[in-house]
Amino acid sequence: MIRAIVTAAILAASSLRFALADDSMLVSPRIIEFYNGTYKSLKPPRAMAVSADGRHMGYSYCPEHRCYIVPGASELAMQACVKAGGYGCRVFAVDDDIKVTYRVMGSSDLPSPSVSIQAAKDALLKWTEADVRTCFGAPLDSELIAGLPRYRFKRGDCTTYIMFMDGKVHSVEGYSFGPECRRVVESCRK
C-alpha cells in the first residue's frame, strides 16, 4: 500500500513537471541577457513584460530614488512590450521576482527562416485589405506602380510593400520581409 502511494506521488510529481514544461514561455537569449544585466541594475519598482513569441519585451523602472509609478510598473511594462511590436505580452518579472515558467530558446526552437518567410508571404496573399490594415495599421505612404498604388506598411521592425486589387492582397514585396515580418504575420493570424 505504501509502495503504491509513493509510486503515485512520484508519477504525479513527474507529470506535473512535464505539464509545467509544456506551459513554459520560450524566451530569446537576448531578453534573458537584458534581464540579468541592464534590468537588474535599474531602480525598483520595476517590471518586465515579454511577448508570446519570446522575442519582444518592454520594461519600466523608477528613474529616481524612491518613486511611485502610476499606472503601475507591470502595466507600463505591458504597454512598452506592445509598443515594441509584441503580441500576447505577459508580465515576466516584477522587481527580481520572475513570474512565469520559462526556458531560453535554442536553435531547435527557431523555424527554418526561408520556409517560414515564404509561408508568411503566401499567407498574406490570402488576406483582404481590411486584414492587412487590422494587422499593420494605416500605411505610411504609397506610390503608383503600373497604375496601382503600392502601400508601405510598417509594424515593429517589419516593413513591407503591399498592392491590393479588388480589396484583396495582389502582391507582397520588400527587401526587409524577413523573420520580423514572419513574426508579425503569424501573430496576426492567431
Protein backbone atom coordinates (compact mmCIF):
# COMPACT_ATOMS: atom_id res chain seq x y z
CA MET A 1 0.00 0.00 0.00
CA ILE A 2 2.77 2.47 0.95
CA ARG A 3 4.67 1.48 -2.21
CA ALA A 4 1.55 2.28 -4.30
CA ILE A 5 1.16 5.70 -2.64
CA VAL A 6 4.84 6.53 -3.16
CA THR A 7 4.64 5.42 -6.80
CA ALA A 8 1.50 7.52 -7.33
CA ALA A 9 3.20 10.54 -5.75
CA ILE A 10 6.25 10.11 -7.99
CA LEU A 11 4.06 9.79 -11.08
CA ALA A 12 2.02 12.83 -10.09
CA ALA A 13 5.17 14.89 -9.50
CA SER A 14 6.71 13.85 -12.81
CA SER A 15 3.50 14.56 -14.75
CA LEU A 16 3.30 17.98 -13.04
CA ARG A 17 6.87 18.69 -14.12
CA PHE A 18 6.02 17.80 -17.74
CA ALA A 19 2.84 19.87 -17.59
CA LEU A 20 4.86 22.87 -16.42
CA ALA A 21 7.37 22.31 -19.20
CA ASP A 22 4.53 22.40 -21.75
CA ASP A 23 3.34 25.74 -20.34
CA SER A 24 6.82 27.27 -20.33
CA MET A 25 7.31 30.55 -22.09
CA LEU A 26 10.08 30.47 -24.69
CA VAL A 27 12.33 33.49 -24.28
CA SER A 28 15.14 34.61 -26.56
CA PRO A 29 18.68 34.59 -25.15
CA ARG A 30 18.87 38.35 -25.83
CA ILE A 31 15.97 39.00 -23.45
CA ILE A 32 17.47 36.85 -20.68
CA GLU A 33 20.77 38.69 -21.15
CA PHE A 34 18.92 42.01 -20.77
CA TYR A 35 17.10 40.73 -17.65
CA ASN A 36 20.32 39.57 -15.98
CA GLY A 37 22.23 42.73 -16.90
CA THR A 38 20.53 46.05 -17.54
CA TYR A 39 17.14 45.23 -15.98
CA LYS A 40 18.56 44.06 -12.65
CA SER A 41 20.62 47.25 -12.39
CA LEU A 42 17.55 49.50 -12.64
CA LYS A 43 15.92 51.04 -9.57
CA PRO A 44 12.70 49.47 -8.24
CA PRO A 45 9.84 49.46 -8.56
CA ARG A 46 10.43 47.83 -11.93
CA ALA A 47 8.73 45.27 -14.14
CA MET A 48 9.41 43.50 -17.40
CA ALA A 49 6.94 42.01 -19.90
CA VAL A 50 7.71 39.58 -22.74
CA SER A 51 5.66 38.82 -25.85
CA ALA A 52 4.20 35.40 -26.60
CA ASP A 53 6.85 34.77 -29.26
CA GLY A 54 9.58 35.46 -26.68
CA ARG A 55 11.34 37.98 -28.90
CA HIS A 56 9.81 41.33 -27.88
CA MET A 57 9.83 42.94 -24.46
CA GLY A 58 9.09 46.09 -22.58
CA TYR A 59 10.08 47.27 -19.14
CA SER A 60 9.52 50.05 -16.65
CA TYR A 61 11.52 51.27 -13.69
CA CYS A 62 11.84 54.06 -11.20
CA PRO A 63 14.07 56.82 -12.61
CA GLU A 64 14.54 58.40 -9.18
CA HIS A 65 15.36 57.01 -5.79
CA ARG A 66 12.01 56.24 -4.11
CA CYS A 67 9.23 56.91 -6.53
CA TYR A 68 5.64 55.95 -7.04
CA ILE A 69 4.61 54.83 -10.54
CA VAL A 70 1.10 55.45 -11.88
CA PRO A 71 -0.04 53.35 -13.66
CA GLY A 72 1.88 50.53 -12.02
CA ALA A 73 5.22 49.16 -13.19
CA SER A 74 3.62 45.98 -14.56
CA GLU A 75 1.06 47.88 -16.62
CA LEU A 76 3.74 50.21 -18.02
CA ALA A 77 5.93 47.21 -18.92
CA MET A 78 2.98 45.61 -20.75
CA GLN A 79 2.35 48.84 -22.68
CA ALA A 80 6.05 49.07 -23.59
CA CYS A 81 6.04 45.44 -24.78
CA VAL A 82 3.12 46.09 -27.13
CA LYS A 83 4.72 49.31 -28.34
CA ALA A 84 7.89 47.33 -29.16
CA GLY A 85 5.84 45.14 -31.52
CA GLY A 86 4.99 42.34 -29.11
CA TYR A 87 1.69 40.49 -29.05
CA GLY A 88 0.31 38.34 -26.28
CA CYS A 89 2.61 40.13 -23.82
CA ARG A 90 2.78 38.78 -20.27
CA VAL A 91 4.48 40.10 -17.16
CA PHE A 92 7.81 38.27 -16.99
CA ALA A 93 9.22 39.81 -13.81
CA VAL A 94 8.34 42.29 -11.10
CA ASP A 95 11.47 43.60 -9.42
CA ASP A 96 13.67 40.45 -9.14
CA ASP A 97 10.74 38.01 -8.97
CA ILE A 98 10.27 36.09 -12.23
CA LYS A 99 6.51 35.48 -12.58
CA VAL A 100 6.45 32.82 -15.33
CA THR A 101 7.94 29.43 -16.00
CA TYR A 102 10.29 29.90 -18.95
CA ARG A 103 13.07 28.36 -20.94
CA VAL A 104 15.63 30.02 -23.15
CA MET A 105 15.22 29.41 -26.87
CA GLY A 106 17.72 27.22 -28.60
CA SER A 107 18.35 26.74 -32.30
CA SER A 108 15.81 23.89 -32.38
CA ASP A 109 13.08 26.37 -31.34
CA LEU A 110 13.65 28.60 -34.34
CA PRO A 111 11.74 27.75 -37.53
CA SER A 112 13.59 27.42 -40.81
CA PRO A 113 13.66 31.06 -41.96
CA SER A 114 13.36 30.54 -45.71
CA VAL A 115 10.40 28.18 -45.41
CA SER A 116 8.54 30.23 -42.80
CA ILE A 117 9.18 33.56 -44.57
CA GLN A 118 7.73 32.19 -47.82
CA ALA A 119 4.82 30.73 -45.85
CA ALA A 120 4.18 34.17 -44.32
CA LYS A 121 4.20 35.80 -47.76
CA ASP A 122 1.84 33.10 -49.07
CA ALA A 123 -0.47 33.69 -46.10
CA LEU A 124 -0.51 37.45 -46.77
CA LEU A 125 -1.56 36.81 -50.36
CA LYS A 126 -4.80 35.32 -48.99
CA TRP A 127 -5.60 38.37 -46.85
CA THR A 128 -8.04 41.14 -47.61
CA GLU A 129 -7.10 44.81 -47.45
CA ALA A 130 -9.03 45.02 -44.16
CA ASP A 131 -6.95 42.16 -42.73
CA VAL A 132 -3.71 43.98 -43.61
CA ARG A 133 -4.88 47.27 -42.11
CA THR A 134 -6.06 45.50 -38.96
CA CYS A 135 -2.65 43.86 -38.57
CA PHE A 136 -0.33 46.66 -39.72
CA GLY A 137 -2.45 49.77 -39.19
CA ALA A 138 -2.59 52.60 -41.71
CA PRO A 139 0.06 52.64 -44.45
CA LEU A 140 2.94 55.06 -44.04
CA ASP A 141 2.75 56.20 -47.67
CA SER A 142 2.11 54.96 -51.20
CA GLU A 143 3.34 55.29 -54.77
CA LEU A 144 1.94 54.27 -58.14
CA ILE A 145 3.43 51.20 -59.78
CA ALA A 146 1.98 50.19 -63.15
CA GLY A 147 -1.12 52.25 -62.37
CA LEU A 148 -1.78 50.57 -59.00
CA PRO A 149 -0.99 52.10 -55.62
CA ARG A 150 1.71 50.28 -53.70
CA TYR A 151 1.43 50.90 -49.95
CA ARG A 152 4.28 50.85 -47.46
CA PHE A 153 3.30 49.27 -44.13
CA LYS A 154 5.45 49.12 -41.02
CA ARG A 155 4.93 47.34 -37.74
CA GLY A 156 7.80 46.96 -35.31
CA ASP A 157 10.89 46.03 -37.34
CA CYS A 158 8.81 44.78 -40.27
CA THR A 159 8.45 46.97 -43.36
CA THR A 160 6.64 45.60 -46.38
CA TYR A 161 5.09 46.92 -49.59
CA ILE A 162 1.65 45.62 -50.49
CA MET A 163 -0.55 46.16 -53.52
CA PHE A 164 -4.30 45.46 -53.48
CA MET A 165 -6.71 44.53 -56.24
CA ASP A 166 -10.46 44.23 -55.67
CA GLY A 167 -9.99 44.53 -51.89
CA LYS A 168 -7.53 41.62 -51.70
CA VAL A 169 -3.74 41.45 -51.49
CA HIS A 170 -2.32 41.34 -55.01
CA SER A 171 1.41 41.41 -54.24
CA VAL A 172 3.79 41.48 -51.29
CA GLU A 173 7.24 42.98 -51.71
CA GLY A 174 10.09 44.32 -49.67
CA TYR A 175 13.74 43.60 -49.17
CA SER A 176 13.16 43.64 -45.44
CA PHE A 177 10.43 40.98 -45.49
CA GLY A 178 12.31 38.64 -43.20
CA PRO A 179 11.88 36.93 -39.85
CA GLU A 180 10.50 40.09 -38.24
CA CYS A 181 7.66 40.23 -40.83
CA ARG A 182 7.04 36.50 -40.47
CA ARG A 183 6.51 37.02 -36.73
CA VAL A 184 4.07 39.89 -37.36
CA VAL A 185 2.03 37.84 -39.84
CA GLU A 186 1.99 34.82 -37.53
CA SER A 187 0.88 36.90 -34.55
CA CYS A 188 -1.94 38.48 -36.58
CA ARG A 189 -3.14 35.08 -37.85
CA LYS A 190 -3.70 33.80 -34.28
